[in-house]
PDB file of N, CA and C in Angstrom:
ATOM      1  N   MET A   1      -6.001  52.673   2.633  1.00  0.00           N
ATOM      2  CA  MET A   1      -4.616  53.128   2.556  1.00  0.00           C
ATOM      3  C   MET A   1      -3.891  52.752   3.837  1.00  0.00           C
ATOM      4  N   ALA A   2      -2.627  52.382   3.721  1.00  0.00           N
ATOM      5  CA  ALA A   2      -1.841  51.959   4.873  1.00  0.00           C
ATOM      6  C   ALA A   2      -1.393  53.184   5.680  1.00  0.00           C
ATOM      7  N   PHE A   3      -0.827  52.909   6.834  1.00  0.00           N
ATOM      8  CA  PHE A   3      -0.322  54.009   7.671  1.00  0.00           C
ATOM      9  C   PHE A   3       0.811  54.731   6.957  1.00  0.00           C
ATOM     10  N   PRO A   4       0.902  56.026   7.138  1.00  0.00           N
ATOM     11  CA  PRO A   4       1.980  56.768   6.449  1.00  0.00           C
ATOM     12  C   PRO A   4       3.357  56.381   7.009  1.00  0.00           C
ATOM     13  N   THR A   5       4.250  55.977   6.137  1.00  0.00           N
ATOM     14  CA  THR A   5       5.624  55.622   6.507  1.00  0.00           C
ATOM     15  C   THR A   5       6.545  56.230   5.477  1.00  0.00           C
ATOM     16  N   SER A   6       7.842  55.996   5.668  1.00  0.00           N
ATOM     17  CA  SER A   6       8.804  56.502   4.698  1.00  0.00           C
ATOM     18  C   SER A   6       8.811  55.637   3.437  1.00  0.00           C
ATOM     19  N   VAL A   7       8.132  54.475   3.486  1.00  0.00           N
ATOM     20  CA  VAL A   7       8.026  53.596   2.331  1.00  0.00           C
ATOM     21  C   VAL A   7       6.740  53.951   1.591  1.00  0.00           C
ATOM     22  N   ASN A   8       6.794  53.864   0.305  1.00  0.00           N
ATOM     23  CA  ASN A   8       5.633  54.157  -0.514  1.00  0.00           C
ATOM     24  C   ASN A   8       4.455  53.282  -0.073  1.00  0.00           C
ATOM     25  N   SER A   9       3.270  53.863   0.047  1.00  0.00           N
ATOM     26  CA  SER A   9       2.107  53.120   0.525  1.00  0.00           C
ATOM     27  C   SER A   9       1.719  52.003  -0.452  1.00  0.00           C
ATOM     28  N   GLN A  10       2.035  52.139  -1.735  1.00  0.00           N
ATOM     29  CA  GLN A  10       1.741  51.071  -2.692  1.00  0.00           C
ATOM     30  C   GLN A  10       2.578  49.821  -2.397  1.00  0.00           C
ATOM     31  N   ILE A  11       3.804  50.046  -1.942  1.00  0.00           N
ATOM     32  CA  ILE A  11       4.683  48.916  -1.586  1.00  0.00           C
ATOM     33  C   ILE A  11       4.125  48.206  -0.361  1.00  0.00           C
ATOM     34  N   THR A  12       3.773  48.960   0.669  1.00  0.00           N
ATOM     35  CA  THR A  12       3.248  48.317   1.878  1.00  0.00           C
ATOM     36  C   THR A  12       1.938  47.607   1.585  1.00  0.00           C
ATOM     37  N   ASP A  13       1.097  48.192   0.735  1.00  0.00           N
ATOM     38  CA  ASP A  13      -0.152  47.523   0.367  1.00  0.00           C
ATOM     39  C   ASP A  13       0.132  46.227  -0.391  1.00  0.00           C
ATOM     40  N   SER A  14       1.116  46.252  -1.266  1.00  0.00           N
ATOM     41  CA  SER A  14       1.466  45.067  -2.045  1.00  0.00           C
ATOM     42  C   SER A  14       1.966  43.949  -1.131  1.00  0.00           C
ATOM     43  N   VAL A  15       2.838  44.301  -0.178  1.00  0.00           N
ATOM     44  CA  VAL A  15       3.367  43.309   0.763  1.00  0.00           C
ATOM     45  C   VAL A  15       2.232  42.745   1.615  1.00  0.00           C
ATOM     46  N   THR A  16       1.339  43.610   2.064  1.00  0.00           N
ATOM     47  CA  THR A  16       0.206  43.161   2.874  1.00  0.00           C
ATOM     48  C   THR A  16      -0.675  42.196   2.081  1.00  0.00           C
ATOM     49  N   GLN A  17      -0.930  42.518   0.819  1.00  0.00           N
ATOM     50  CA  GLN A  17      -1.755  41.644  -0.009  1.00  0.00           C
ATOM     51  C   GLN A  17      -1.060  40.311  -0.283  1.00  0.00           C
ATOM     52  N   ALA A  18       0.251  40.363  -0.488  1.00  0.00           N
ATOM     53  CA  ALA A  18       0.998  39.119  -0.710  1.00  0.00           C
ATOM     54  C   ALA A  18       0.940  38.240   0.534  1.00  0.00           C
ATOM     55  N   ASN A  19       1.107  38.860   1.710  1.00  0.00           N
ATOM     56  CA  ASN A  19       1.038  38.092   2.950  1.00  0.00           C
ATOM     57  C   ASN A  19      -0.364  37.512   3.150  1.00  0.00           C
ATOM     58  N   THR A  20      -1.379  38.281   2.821  1.00  0.00           N
ATOM     59  CA  THR A  20      -2.753  37.805   2.942  1.00  0.00           C
ATOM     60  C   THR A  20      -2.995  36.631   2.002  1.00  0.00           C
ATOM     61  N   LYS A  21      -2.432  36.706   0.796  1.00  0.00           N
ATOM     62  CA  LYS A  21      -2.591  35.604  -0.152  1.00  0.00           C
ATOM     63  C   LYS A  21      -1.929  34.339   0.384  1.00  0.00           C
ATOM     64  N   VAL A  22      -0.742  34.475   0.938  1.00  0.00           N
ATOM     65  CA  VAL A  22      -0.048  33.308   1.490  1.00  0.00           C
ATOM     66  C   VAL A  22      -0.865  32.708   2.628  1.00  0.00           C
ATOM     67  N   LEU A  23      -1.384  33.574   3.506  1.00  0.00           N
ATOM     68  CA  LEU A  23      -2.188  33.069   4.618  1.00  0.00           C
ATOM     69  C   LEU A  23      -3.495  32.456   4.113  1.00  0.00           C
ATOM     70  N   GLY A  24      -4.045  32.993   3.059  1.00  0.00           N
ATOM     71  CA  GLY A  24      -5.278  32.445   2.497  1.00  0.00           C
ATOM     72  C   GLY A  24      -5.061  31.118   1.794  1.00  0.00           C
ATOM     73  N   ASP A  25      -3.880  30.943   1.202  1.00  0.00           N
ATOM     74  CA  ASP A  25      -3.583  29.698   0.492  1.00  0.00           C
ATOM     75  C   ASP A  25      -3.180  28.564   1.434  1.00  0.00           C
ATOM     76  N   SER A  26      -2.746  28.885   2.627  1.00  0.00           N
ATOM     77  CA  SER A  26      -2.209  27.868   3.539  1.00  0.00           C
ATOM     78  C   SER A  26      -3.196  26.747   3.866  1.00  0.00           C
ATOM     79  N   PRO A  27      -4.451  27.034   4.212  1.00  0.00           N
ATOM     80  CA  PRO A  27      -5.358  25.921   4.518  1.00  0.00           C
ATOM     81  C   PRO A  27      -5.574  24.976   3.340  1.00  0.00           C
ATOM     82  N   SER A  28      -5.733  25.538   2.142  1.00  0.00           N
ATOM     83  CA  SER A  28      -5.954  24.667   0.987  1.00  0.00           C
ATOM     84  C   SER A  28      -4.692  23.870   0.657  1.00  0.00           C
ATOM     85  N   MET A  29      -3.533  24.469   0.824  1.00  0.00           N
ATOM     86  CA  MET A  29      -2.291  23.722   0.594  1.00  0.00           C
ATOM     87  C   MET A  29      -2.153  22.601   1.628  1.00  0.00           C
ATOM     88  N   GLY A  30      -2.489  22.912   2.877  1.00  0.00           N
ATOM     89  CA  GLY A  30      -2.416  21.890   3.924  1.00  0.00           C
ATOM     90  C   GLY A  30      -3.366  20.735   3.650  1.00  0.00           C
ATOM     91  N   MET A  31      -4.599  21.055   3.255  1.00  0.00           N
ATOM     92  CA  MET A  31      -5.564  20.002   2.947  1.00  0.00           C
ATOM     93  C   MET A  31      -5.137  19.205   1.713  1.00  0.00           C
ATOM     94  N   GLY A  32      -4.578  19.887   0.721  1.00  0.00           N
ATOM     95  CA  GLY A  32      -4.089  19.191  -0.462  1.00  0.00           C
ATOM     96  C   GLY A  32      -2.995  18.197  -0.105  1.00  0.00           C
ATOM     97  N   ASN A  33      -2.058  18.632   0.746  1.00  0.00           N
ATOM     98  CA  ASN A  33      -0.987  17.722   1.180  1.00  0.00           C
ATOM     99  C   ASN A  33      -1.545  16.557   1.990  1.00  0.00           C
ATOM    100  N   LEU A  34      -2.557  16.836   2.823  1.00  0.00           N
ATOM    101  CA  LEU A  34      -3.187  15.764   3.590  1.00  0.00           C
ATOM    102  C   LEU A  34      -3.861  14.758   2.671  1.00  0.00           C
ATOM    103  N   PHE A  35      -4.579  15.256   1.663  1.00  0.00           N
ATOM    104  CA  PHE A  35      -5.253  14.356   0.734  1.00  0.00           C
ATOM    105  C   PHE A  35      -4.260  13.501  -0.040  1.00  0.00           C
ATOM    106  N   ILE A  36      -3.160  14.089  -0.459  1.00  0.00           N
ATOM    107  CA  ILE A  36      -2.140  13.335  -1.200  1.00  0.00           C
ATOM    108  C   ILE A  36      -1.525  12.254  -0.313  1.00  0.00           C
ATOM    109  N   ALA A  37      -1.186  12.639   0.928  1.00  0.00           N
ATOM    110  CA  ALA A  37      -0.583  11.660   1.839  1.00  0.00           C
ATOM    111  C   ALA A  37      -1.563  10.533   2.155  1.00  0.00           C
ATOM    112  N   THR A  38      -2.841  10.884   2.347  1.00  0.00           N
ATOM    113  CA  THR A  38      -3.853   9.873   2.650  1.00  0.00           C
ATOM    114  C   THR A  38      -4.064   8.941   1.463  1.00  0.00           C
ATOM    115  N   SER A  39      -4.148   9.505   0.266  1.00  0.00           N
ATOM    116  CA  SER A  39      -4.357   8.656  -0.911  1.00  0.00           C
ATOM    117  C   SER A  39      -3.162   7.748  -1.150  1.00  0.00           C
ATOM    118  N   GLN A  40      -1.966   8.232  -0.878  1.00  0.00           N
ATOM    119  CA  GLN A  40      -0.787   7.385  -1.046  1.00  0.00           C
ATOM    120  C   GLN A  40      -0.796   6.248  -0.022  1.00  0.00           C
ATOM    121  N   ALA A  41      -1.176   6.560   1.213  1.00  0.00           N
ATOM    122  CA  ALA A  41      -1.232   5.521   2.240  1.00  0.00           C
ATOM    123  C   ALA A  41      -2.277   4.469   1.899  1.00  0.00           C
ATOM    124  N   LEU A  42      -3.440   4.911   1.400  1.00  0.00           N
ATOM    125  CA  LEU A  42      -4.478   3.946   1.028  1.00  0.00           C
ATOM    126  C   LEU A  42      -4.052   3.112  -0.173  1.00  0.00           C
ATOM    127  N   SER A  43      -3.351   3.728  -1.111  1.00  0.00           N
ATOM    128  CA  SER A  43      -2.850   2.973  -2.263  1.00  0.00           C
ATOM    129  C   SER A  43      -1.849   1.913  -1.822  1.00  0.00           C
ATOM    130  N   ASN A  44      -0.972   2.282  -0.903  1.00  0.00           N
ATOM    131  CA  ASN A  44      -0.010   1.303  -0.383  1.00  0.00           C
ATOM    132  C   ASN A  44      -0.724   0.173   0.355  1.00  0.00           C
ATOM    133  N   ALA A  45      -1.768   0.508   1.094  1.00  0.00           N
ATOM    134  CA  ALA A  45      -2.522  -0.534   1.806  1.00  0.00           C
ATOM    135  C   ALA A  45      -3.189  -1.488   0.816  1.00  0.00           C
ATOM    136  N   ALA A  46      -3.767  -0.949  -0.243  1.00  0.00           N
ATOM    137  CA  ALA A  46      -4.405  -1.804  -1.250  1.00  0.00           C
ATOM    138  C   ALA A  46      -3.373  -2.687  -1.939  1.00  0.00           C
ATOM    139  N   HIS A  47      -2.216  -2.116  -2.232  1.00  0.00           N
ATOM    140  CA  HIS A  47      -1.150  -2.906  -2.869  1.00  0.00           C
ATOM    141  C   HIS A  47      -0.664  -4.012  -1.941  1.00  0.00           C
ATOM    142  N   ASN A  48      -0.492  -3.687  -0.674  1.00  0.00           N
ATOM    143  CA  ASN A  48      -0.042  -4.695   0.283  1.00  0.00           C
ATOM    144  C   ASN A  48      -1.075  -5.803   0.452  1.00  0.00           C
ATOM    145  N   ALA A  49      -2.368  -5.440   0.443  1.00  0.00           N
ATOM    146  CA  ALA A  49      -3.409  -6.456   0.569  1.00  0.00           C
ATOM    147  C   ALA A  49      -3.408  -7.381  -0.646  1.00  0.00           C
ATOM    148  N   THR A  50      -3.258  -6.814  -1.820  1.00  0.00           N
ATOM    149  CA  THR A  50      -3.208  -7.620  -3.042  1.00  0.00           C
ATOM    150  C   THR A  50      -2.002  -8.553  -3.018  1.00  0.00           C
ATOM    151  N   ASN A  51      -0.868  -8.010  -2.627  1.00  0.00           N
ATOM    152  CA  ASN A  51       0.348  -8.827  -2.564  1.00  0.00           C
ATOM    153  C   ASN A  51       0.201  -9.953  -1.538  1.00  0.00           C
ATOM    154  N   ALA A  52      -0.421  -9.652  -0.403  1.00  0.00           N
ATOM    155  CA  ALA A  52      -0.620 -10.683   0.619  1.00  0.00           C
ATOM    156  C   ALA A  52      -1.538 -11.784   0.096  1.00  0.00           C
ATOM    157  N   GLN A  53      -2.579 -11.413  -0.656  1.00  0.00           N
ATOM    158  CA  GLN A  53      -3.456 -12.434  -1.232  1.00  0.00           C
ATOM    159  C   GLN A  53      -2.692 -13.319  -2.210  1.00  0.00           C
ATOM    160  N   GLN A  54      -1.863 -12.701  -3.033  1.00  0.00           N
ATOM    161  CA  GLN A  54      -1.097 -13.481  -4.000  1.00  0.00           C
ATOM    162  C   GLN A  54      -0.132 -14.434  -3.297  1.00  0.00           C
ATOM    163  N   GLN A  55       0.536 -13.929  -2.278  1.00  0.00           N
ATOM    164  CA  GLN A  55       1.511 -14.761  -1.582  1.00  0.00           C
ATOM    165  C   GLN A  55       0.820 -15.881  -0.808  1.00  0.00           C
ATOM    166  N   SER A  56      -0.348 -15.607  -0.235  1.00  0.00           N
ATOM    167  CA  SER A  56      -1.055 -16.679   0.473  1.00  0.00           C
ATOM    168  C   SER A  56      -1.543 -17.741  -0.513  1.00  0.00           C
ATOM    169  N   TRP A  57      -1.888 -17.330  -1.731  1.00  0.00           N
ATOM    170  CA  TRP A  57      -2.286 -18.314  -2.744  1.00  0.00           C
ATOM    171  C   TRP A  57      -1.113 -19.218  -3.089  1.00  0.00           C
ATOM    172  N   VAL A  58       0.074 -18.647  -3.212  1.00  0.00           N
ATOM    173  CA  VAL A  58       1.264 -19.450  -3.522  1.00  0.00           C
ATOM    174  C   VAL A  58       1.526 -20.439  -2.385  1.00  0.00           C
ATOM    175  N   THR A  59       1.407 -19.973  -1.149  1.00  0.00           N
ATOM    176  CA  THR A  59       1.621 -20.862   0.004  1.00  0.00           C
ATOM    177  C   THR A  59       0.577 -21.969   0.043  1.00  0.00           C
ATOM    178  N   THR A  60      -0.675 -21.607  -0.221  1.00  0.00           N
ATOM    179  CA  THR A  60      -1.750 -22.611  -0.240  1.00  0.00           C
ATOM    180  C   THR A  60      -1.523 -23.643  -1.331  1.00  0.00           C
ATOM    181  N   GLN A  61      -1.115 -23.173  -2.489  1.00  0.00           N
ATOM    182  CA  GLN A  61      -0.865 -24.095  -3.610  1.00  0.00           C
ATOM    183  C   GLN A  61       0.296 -25.040  -3.282  1.00  0.00           C
ATOM    184  N   ALA A  62       1.337 -24.508  -2.665  1.00  0.00           N
ATOM    185  CA  ALA A  62       2.471 -25.355  -2.302  1.00  0.00           C
ATOM    186  C   ALA A  62       2.059 -26.391  -1.258  1.00  0.00           C
ATOM    187  N   ALA A  63       1.252 -25.982  -0.273  1.00  0.00           N
ATOM    188  CA  ALA A  63       0.808 -26.925   0.753  1.00  0.00           C
ATOM    189  C   ALA A  63      -0.088 -28.008   0.150  1.00  0.00           C
ATOM    190  N   THR A  64      -0.957 -27.602  -0.782  1.00  0.00           N
ATOM    191  CA  THR A  64      -1.830 -28.582  -1.441  1.00  0.00           C
ATOM    192  C   THR A  64      -1.011 -29.576  -2.258  1.00  0.00           C
ATOM    193  N   THR A  65      -0.048 -29.059  -2.991  1.00  0.00           N
ATOM    194  CA  THR A  65       0.816 -29.935  -3.791  1.00  0.00           C
ATOM    195  C   THR A  65       1.565 -30.922  -2.906  1.00  0.00           C
ATOM    196  N   GLN A  66       2.069 -30.427  -1.784  1.00  0.00           N
ATOM    197  CA  GLN A  66       2.798 -31.308  -0.865  1.00  0.00           C
ATOM    198  C   GLN A  66       1.866 -32.363  -0.273  1.00  0.00           C
ATOM    199  N   GLY A  67       0.631 -31.941   0.073  1.00  0.00           N
ATOM    200  CA  GLY A  67      -0.326 -32.901   0.627  1.00  0.00           C
ATOM    201  C   GLY A  67      -0.705 -33.969  -0.373  1.00  0.00           C
ATOM    202  N   VAL A  68      -0.966 -33.570  -1.615  1.00  0.00           N
ATOM    203  CA  VAL A  68      -1.311 -34.541  -2.650  1.00  0.00           C
ATOM    204  C   VAL A  68      -0.135 -35.468  -2.916  1.00  0.00           C
ATOM    205  N   SER A  69       1.058 -34.915  -2.946  1.00  0.00           N
ATOM    206  CA  SER A  69       2.253 -35.746  -3.154  1.00  0.00           C
ATOM    207  C   SER A  69       2.410 -36.769  -2.033  1.00  0.00           C
ATOM    208  N   THR A  70       2.135 -36.330  -0.810  1.00  0.00           N
ATOM    209  CA  THR A  70       2.213 -37.258   0.324  1.00  0.00           C
ATOM    210  C   THR A  70       1.171 -38.368   0.198  1.00  0.00           C
ATOM    211  N   LEU A  71      -0.042 -37.980  -0.185  1.00  0.00           N
ATOM    212  CA  LEU A  71      -1.087 -38.998  -0.363  1.00  0.00           C
ATOM    213  C   LEU A  71      -0.700 -39.999  -1.440  1.00  0.00           C
ATOM    214  N   TYR A  72      -0.165 -39.504  -2.531  1.00  0.00           N
ATOM    215  CA  TYR A  72       0.249 -40.414  -3.604  1.00  0.00           C
ATOM    216  C   TYR A  72       1.393 -41.312  -3.171  1.00  0.00           C
ATOM    217  N   SER A  73       2.315 -40.783  -2.392  1.00  0.00           N
ATOM    218  CA  SER A  73       3.450 -41.608  -1.966  1.00  0.00           C
ATOM    219  C   SER A  73       3.015 -42.666  -0.969  1.00  0.00           C
ATOM    220  N   VAL A  74       2.063 -42.337  -0.105  1.00  0.00           N
ATOM    221  CA  VAL A  74       1.540 -43.341   0.835  1.00  0.00           C
ATOM    222  C   VAL A  74       0.854 -44.452   0.055  1.00  0.00           C
ATOM    223  N   ASP A  75       0.047 -44.073  -0.905  1.00  0.00           N
ATOM    224  CA  ASP A  75      -0.648 -45.074  -1.727  1.00  0.00           C
ATOM    225  C   ASP A  75       0.357 -45.947  -2.476  1.00  0.00           C
ATOM    226  N   THR A  76       1.395 -45.322  -3.000  1.00  0.00           N
ATOM    227  CA  THR A  76       2.414 -46.075  -3.738  1.00  0.00           C
ATOM    228  C   THR A  76       3.149 -47.043  -2.823  1.00  0.00           C
ATOM    229  N   ALA A  77       3.454 -46.599  -1.622  1.00  0.00           N
ATOM    230  CA  ALA A  77       4.145 -47.470  -0.677  1.00  0.00           C
ATOM    231  C   ALA A  77       3.253 -48.652  -0.291  1.00  0.00           C
ATOM    232  N   ALA A  78       1.983 -48.369  -0.056  1.00  0.00           N
ATOM    233  CA  ALA A  78       1.065 -49.465   0.304  1.00  0.00           C
ATOM    234  C   ALA A  78       0.925 -50.448  -0.849  1.00  0.00           C
ATOM    235  N   THR A  79       0.808 -49.931  -2.065  1.00  0.00           N
ATOM    236  CA  THR A  79       0.706 -50.802  -3.236  1.00  0.00           C
ATOM    237  C   THR A  79       1.979 -51.631  -3.394  1.00  0.00           C
ATOM    238  N   GLY A  80       3.117 -50.995  -3.168  1.00  0.00           N
ATOM    239  CA  GLY A  80       4.388 -51.709  -3.280  1.00  0.00           C
ATOM    240  C   GLY A  80       4.508 -52.821  -2.270  1.00  0.00           C
ATOM    241  N   ILE A  81       4.079 -52.558  -1.046  1.00  0.00           N
ATOM    242  CA  ILE A  81       4.146 -53.589   0.005  1.00  0.00           C
ATOM    243  C   ILE A  81       3.185 -54.735  -0.321  1.00  0.00           C
ATOM    244  N   ALA A  82       1.976 -54.369  -0.766  1.00  0.00           N
ATOM    245  CA  ALA A  82       1.003 -55.426  -1.104  1.00  0.00           C
ATOM    246  C   ALA A  82       1.507 -56.258  -2.268  1.00  0.00           C
ATOM    247  N   THR A  83       2.070 -55.613  -3.275  1.00  0.00           N
ATOM    248  CA  THR A  83       2.608 -56.341  -4.423  1.00  0.00           C
ATOM    249  C   THR A  83       3.762 -57.240  -3.995  1.00  0.00           C
ATOM    250  N   HIS A  84       4.592 -56.757  -3.112  1.00  0.00           N
ATOM    251  CA  HIS A  84       5.711 -57.542  -2.639  1.00  0.00           C
ATOM    252  C   HIS A  84       5.217 -58.790  -1.881  1.00  0.00           C
ATOM    253  N   LYS A  85       4.159 -58.607  -1.097  1.00  0.00           N
ATOM    254  CA  LYS A  85       3.616 -59.752  -0.357  1.00  0.00           C
ATOM    255  C   LYS A  85       2.977 -60.776  -1.291  1.00  0.00           C
ATOM    256  N   ILE A  86       2.390 -60.290  -2.381  1.00  0.00           N
ATOM    257  CA  ILE A  86       1.767 -61.201  -3.347  1.00  0.00           C
ATOM    258  C   ILE A  86       2.825 -62.055  -4.055  1.00  0.00           C
ATOM    259  N   PHE A  87       3.898 -61.395  -4.492  1.00  0.00           N
ATOM    260  CA  PHE A  87       4.920 -62.102  -5.273  1.00  0.00           C
ATOM    261  C   PHE A  87       5.964 -62.787  -4.401  1.00  0.00           C
ATOM    262  N   ALA A  88       6.000 -62.512  -3.122  1.00  0.00           N
ATOM    263  CA  ALA A  88       7.044 -63.091  -2.288  1.00  0.00           C
ATOM    264  C   ALA A  88       6.690 -64.460  -1.769  1.00  0.00           C
TER     265      ALA A  88
END
């Protein structure tokens, strides 16, 4: 029983129990928020890593295409010069 006051002891007991419940729930709420924030950060990291892999593949493909195009153009120029020398 709570200390005698002008307020009904059932009211003071109820308030005390409510406050105890809030204090008891605080650690689990804090850990829950931490877990949510951590999982969101890890999800963003995984998404960013996937996106970076995709973008690097596009860059690699473009560089390869440009390199092959350059090789073909060099070969074409050499063939053109040789053909010109043959027919000239």
